[in-house]
PDB file of N, CA and C in Angstrom:
ATOM      1  N   MET A   1      34.500  63.708 121.532  1.00  0.00           N
ATOM      2  CA  MET A   1      33.589  63.737 120.405  1.00  0.00           C
ATOM      3  C   MET A   1      34.049  64.826 119.436  1.00  0.00           C
ATOM      4  N   GLU A   2      34.040  64.490 118.182  1.00  0.00           N
ATOM      5  CA  GLU A   2      34.451  65.452 117.160  1.00  0.00           C
ATOM      6  C   GLU A   2      33.350  66.468 116.917  1.00  0.00           C
ATOM      7  N   GLY A   3      33.781  67.674 116.536  1.00  0.00           N
ATOM      8  CA  GLY A   3      32.817  68.689 116.140  1.00  0.00           C
ATOM      9  C   GLY A   3      32.247  68.358 114.782  1.00  0.00           C
ATOM     10  N   LYS A   4      31.105  68.923 114.494  1.00  0.00           N
ATOM     11  CA  LYS A   4      30.482  68.688 113.189  1.00  0.00           C
ATOM     12  C   LYS A   4      30.687  69.899 112.312  1.00  0.00           C
ATOM     13  N   GLN A   5      30.801  69.644 111.035  1.00  0.00           N
ATOM     14  CA  GLN A   5      30.925  70.707 110.058  1.00  0.00           C
ATOM     15  C   GLN A   5      29.695  70.651 109.162  1.00  0.00           C
ATOM     16  N   ILE A   6      29.034  71.775 109.028  1.00  0.00           N
ATOM     17  CA  ILE A   6      27.849  71.841 108.184  1.00  0.00           C
ATOM     18  C   ILE A   6      28.265  72.412 106.834  1.00  0.00           C
ATOM     19  N   VAL A   7      27.973  71.663 105.788  1.00  0.00           N
ATOM     20  CA  VAL A   7      28.290  72.104 104.438  1.00  0.00           C
ATOM     21  C   VAL A   7      26.975  72.223 103.680  1.00  0.00           C
ATOM     22  N   PHE A   8      26.712  73.425 103.170  1.00  0.00           N
ATOM     23  CA  PHE A   8      25.494  73.659 102.420  1.00  0.00           C
ATOM     24  C   PHE A   8      25.787  73.536 100.925  1.00  0.00           C
ATOM     25  N   SER A   9      24.955  72.788 100.246  1.00  0.00           N
ATOM     26  CA  SER A   9      25.085  72.661  98.796  1.00  0.00           C
ATOM     27  C   SER A   9      24.609  73.961  98.150  1.00  0.00           C
ATOM     28  N   ALA A  10      24.852  74.082  96.868  1.00  0.00           N
ATOM     29  CA  ALA A  10      24.379  75.264  96.138  1.00  0.00           C
ATOM     30  C   ALA A  10      22.855  75.353  96.219  1.00  0.00           C
ATOM     31  N   LYS A  11      22.184  74.196  96.155  1.00  0.00           N
ATOM     32  CA  LYS A  11      20.723  74.169  96.254  1.00  0.00           C
ATOM     33  C   LYS A  11      20.273  74.669  97.626  1.00  0.00           C
ATOM     34  N   ASP A  12      20.958  74.209  98.688  1.00  0.00           N
ATOM     35  CA  ASP A  12      20.634  74.663 100.042  1.00  0.00           C
ATOM     36  C   ASP A  12      20.807  76.168 100.169  1.00  0.00           C
ATOM     37  N   GLN A  13      21.879  76.696  99.610  1.00  0.00           N
ATOM     38  CA  GLN A  13      22.144  78.130  99.691  1.00  0.00           C
ATOM     39  C   GLN A  13      21.055  78.933  98.988  1.00  0.00           C
ATOM     40  N   LEU A  14      20.614  78.449  97.824  1.00  0.00           N
ATOM     41  CA  LEU A  14      19.535  79.135  97.111  1.00  0.00           C
ATOM     42  C   LEU A  14      18.235  79.090  97.904  1.00  0.00           C
ATOM     43  N   GLU A  15      17.990  77.948  98.542  1.00  0.00           N
ATOM     44  CA  GLU A  15      16.784  77.807  99.349  1.00  0.00           C
ATOM     45  C   GLU A  15      16.811  78.776 100.538  1.00  0.00           C
ATOM     46  N   ILE A  16      17.963  78.891 101.191  1.00  0.00           N
ATOM     47  CA  ILE A  16      18.113  79.820 102.317  1.00  0.00           C
ATOM     48  C   ILE A  16      17.904  81.259 101.841  1.00  0.00           C
ATOM     49  N   GLN A  17      18.508  81.611 100.719  1.00  0.00           N
ATOM     50  CA  GLN A  17      18.341  82.966 100.187  1.00  0.00           C
ATOM     51  C   GLN A  17      16.874  83.268  99.895  1.00  0.00           C
ATOM     52  N   GLY A  18      16.174  82.305  99.305  1.00  0.00           N
ATOM     53  CA  GLY A  18      14.758  82.493  99.004  1.00  0.00           C
ATOM     54  C   GLY A  18      13.929  82.694 100.256  1.00  0.00           C
ATOM     55  N   ILE A  19      14.236  81.931 101.290  1.00  0.00           N
ATOM     56  CA  ILE A  19      13.518  82.051 102.554  1.00  0.00           C
ATOM     57  C   ILE A  19      13.754  83.424 103.166  1.00  0.00           C
ATOM     58  N   VAL A  20      14.998  83.879 103.143  1.00  0.00           N
ATOM     59  CA  VAL A  20      15.331  85.180 103.728  1.00  0.00           C
ATOM     60  C   VAL A  20      14.679  86.312 102.941  1.00  0.00           C
ATOM     61  N   ILE A  21      14.778  86.247 101.618  1.00  0.00           N
ATOM     62  CA  ILE A  21      14.210  87.308 100.782  1.00  0.00           C
ATOM     63  C   ILE A  21      12.690  87.372 100.944  1.00  0.00           C
ATOM     64  N   ASP A  22      12.042  86.197 100.908  1.00  0.00           N
ATOM     65  CA  ASP A  22      10.575  86.145 101.006  1.00  0.00           C
ATOM     66  C   ASP A  22      10.073  86.274 102.440  1.00  0.00           C
ATOM     67  N   GLN A  23      10.957  86.112 103.406  1.00  0.00           N
ATOM     68  CA  GLN A  23      10.599  86.111 104.826  1.00  0.00           C
ATOM     69  C   GLN A  23       9.479  85.097 105.078  1.00  0.00           C
ATOM     70  N   ASP A  24       9.640  83.910 104.480  1.00  0.00           N
ATOM     71  CA  ASP A  24       8.636  82.851 104.553  1.00  0.00           C
ATOM     72  C   ASP A  24       8.901  81.973 105.777  1.00  0.00           C
ATOM     73  N   LYS A  25       8.104  82.173 106.808  1.00  0.00           N
ATOM     74  CA  LYS A  25       8.317  81.447 108.071  1.00  0.00           C
ATOM     75  C   LYS A  25       8.037  79.961 107.931  1.00  0.00           C
ATOM     76  N   ALA A  26       7.025  79.596 107.165  1.00  0.00           N
ATOM     77  CA  ALA A  26       6.684  78.178 106.990  1.00  0.00           C
ATOM     78  C   ALA A  26       7.814  77.434 106.286  1.00  0.00           C
ATOM     79  N   GLU A  27       8.375  78.037 105.243  1.00  0.00           N
ATOM     80  CA  GLU A  27       9.489  77.402 104.528  1.00  0.00           C
ATOM     81  C   GLU A  27      10.733  77.335 105.412  1.00  0.00           C
ATOM     82  N   ALA A  28      10.931  78.339 106.246  1.00  0.00           N
ATOM     83  CA  ALA A  28      12.076  78.335 107.159  1.00  0.00           C
ATOM     84  C   ALA A  28      11.968  77.168 108.136  1.00  0.00           C
ATOM     85  N   VAL A  29      10.778  76.916 108.641  1.00  0.00           N
ATOM     86  CA  VAL A  29      10.576  75.795 109.568  1.00  0.00           C
ATOM     87  C   VAL A  29      10.835  74.471 108.863  1.00  0.00           C
ATOM     88  N   LYS A  30      10.359  74.334 107.631  1.00  0.00           N
ATOM     89  CA  LYS A  30      10.598  73.104 106.865  1.00  0.00           C
ATOM     90  C   LYS A  30      12.098  72.883 106.655  1.00  0.00           C
ATOM     91  N   PHE A  31      12.812  73.965 106.289  1.00  0.00           N
ATOM     92  CA  PHE A  31      14.242  73.848 106.044  1.00  0.00           C
ATOM     93  C   PHE A  31      14.975  73.467 107.327  1.00  0.00           C
ATOM     94  N   LEU A  32      14.612  74.096 108.442  1.00  0.00           N
ATOM     95  CA  LEU A  32      15.269  73.779 109.715  1.00  0.00           C
ATOM     96  C   LEU A  32      14.993  72.343 110.147  1.00  0.00           C
ATOM     97  N   THR A  33      13.801  71.853 109.867  1.00  0.00           N
ATOM     98  CA  THR A  33      13.472  70.466 110.194  1.00  0.00           C
ATOM     99  C   THR A  33      14.376  69.514 109.418  1.00  0.00           C
ATOM    100  N   LYS A  34      14.559  69.785 108.108  1.00  0.00           N
ATOM    101  CA  LYS A  34      15.458  68.954 107.295  1.00  0.00           C
ATOM    102  C   LYS A  34      16.895  69.061 107.801  1.00  0.00           C
ATOM    103  N   LEU A  35      17.298  70.268 108.177  1.00  0.00           N
ATOM    104  CA  LEU A  35      18.663  70.483 108.663  1.00  0.00           C
ATOM    105  C   LEU A  35      18.907  69.717 109.960  1.00  0.00           C
ATOM    106  N   LEU A  36      17.947  69.740 110.868  1.00  0.00           N
ATOM    107  CA  LEU A  36      18.099  69.013 112.130  1.00  0.00           C
ATOM    108  C   LEU A  36      18.212  67.510 111.910  1.00  0.00           C
ATOM    109  N   GLU A  37      17.486  66.991 110.932  1.00  0.00           N
ATOM    110  CA  GLU A  37      17.600  65.567 110.604  1.00  0.00           C
ATOM    111  C   GLU A  37      19.020  65.251 110.136  1.00  0.00           C
ATOM    112  N   ARG A  38      19.601  66.142 109.344  1.00  0.00           N
ATOM    113  CA  ARG A  38      20.978  65.936 108.873  1.00  0.00           C
ATOM    114  C   ARG A  38      21.973  66.032 110.017  1.00  0.00           C
ATOM    115  N   LEU A  39      21.699  66.900 110.994  1.00  0.00           N
ATOM    116  CA  LEU A  39      22.618  67.088 112.110  1.00  0.00           C
ATOM    117  C   LEU A  39      22.603  65.930 113.095  1.00  0.00           C
ATOM    118  N   LYS A  40      21.489  65.239 113.184  1.00  0.00           N
ATOM    119  CA  LYS A  40      21.385  64.125 114.126  1.00  0.00           C
ATOM    120  C   LYS A  40      22.446  63.074 113.848  1.00  0.00           C
ATOM    121  N   GLY A  41      22.720  62.848 112.597  1.00  0.00           N
ATOM    122  CA  GLY A  41      23.741  61.865 112.241  1.00  0.00           C
ATOM    123  C   GLY A  41      23.271  60.452 112.517  1.00  0.00           C
ATOM    124  N   HIS A  42      24.227  59.575 112.577  1.00  0.00           N
ATOM    125  CA  HIS A  42      23.951  58.161 112.814  1.00  0.00           C
ATOM    126  C   HIS A  42      24.816  57.704 113.973  1.00  0.00           C
ATOM    127  N   PRO A  43      24.268  56.900 114.871  1.00  0.00           N
ATOM    128  CA  PRO A  43      25.038  56.467 116.035  1.00  0.00           C
ATOM    129  C   PRO A  43      26.243  55.583 115.710  1.00  0.00           C
ATOM    130  N   GLY A  44      26.274  55.032 114.514  1.00  0.00           N
ATOM    131  CA  GLY A  44      27.397  54.175 114.136  1.00  0.00           C
ATOM    132  C   GLY A  44      27.089  52.712 114.383  1.00  0.00           C
ATOM    133  N   TYR A  45      28.074  51.880 114.129  1.00  0.00           N
ATOM    134  CA  TYR A  45      27.915  50.437 114.280  1.00  0.00           C
ATOM    135  C   TYR A  45      28.993  49.917 115.215  1.00  0.00           C
ATOM    136  N   ALA A  46      28.662  48.911 115.980  1.00  0.00           N
ATOM    137  CA  ALA A  46      29.614  48.335 116.917  1.00  0.00           C
ATOM    138  C   ALA A  46      30.783  47.651 116.212  1.00  0.00           C
ATOM    139  N   CYS A  47      30.537  47.173 114.998  1.00  0.00           N
ATOM    140  CA  CYS A  47      31.565  46.437 114.278  1.00  0.00           C
ATOM    141  C   CYS A  47      32.240  47.265 113.181  1.00  0.00           C
ATOM    142  N   GLY A  48      32.118  48.571 113.226  1.00  0.00           N
ATOM    143  CA  GLY A  48      32.778  49.403 112.243  1.00  0.00           C
ATOM    144  C   GLY A  48      31.831  49.922 111.184  1.00  0.00           C
ATOM    145  N   PHE A  49      32.392  50.552 110.191  1.00  0.00           N
ATOM    146  CA  PHE A  49      31.645  51.205 109.130  1.00  0.00           C
ATOM    147  C   PHE A  49      31.030  50.177 108.192  1.00  0.00           C
ATOM    148  N   ARG A  50      29.751  50.347 107.869  1.00  0.00           N
ATOM    149  CA  ARG A  50      29.075  49.433 106.957  1.00  0.00           C
ATOM    150  C   ARG A  50      28.886  50.008 105.564  1.00  0.00           C
ATOM    151  N   GLY A  51      29.170  51.264 105.388  1.00  0.00           N
ATOM    152  CA  GLY A  51      28.967  51.874 104.073  1.00  0.00           C
ATOM    153  C   GLY A  51      27.616  52.502 103.958  1.00  0.00           C
ATOM    154  N   PHE A  52      27.320  53.001 102.779  1.00  0.00           N
ATOM    155  CA  PHE A  52      26.056  53.674 102.538  1.00  0.00           C
ATOM    156  C   PHE A  52      25.049  52.709 101.957  1.00  0.00           C
ATOM    157  N   LYS A  53      23.800  52.914 102.300  1.00  0.00           N
ATOM    158  CA  LYS A  53      22.721  52.095 101.754  1.00  0.00           C
ATOM    159  C   LYS A  53      22.036  52.830 100.649  1.00  0.00           C
TER     160      LYS A  53
END
């Protein structure tokens, strides 16, 4: 299995900075929830790549 690479957009970086500066626990949980959804990925297709929807 290949390793995953996490790439944060400029918007993501600003959001992380805001959370750290404000020490906002609720926003941190929301951000981590979104991040975990991105990390889950997609199991793929038996017949190959189908493209983006």
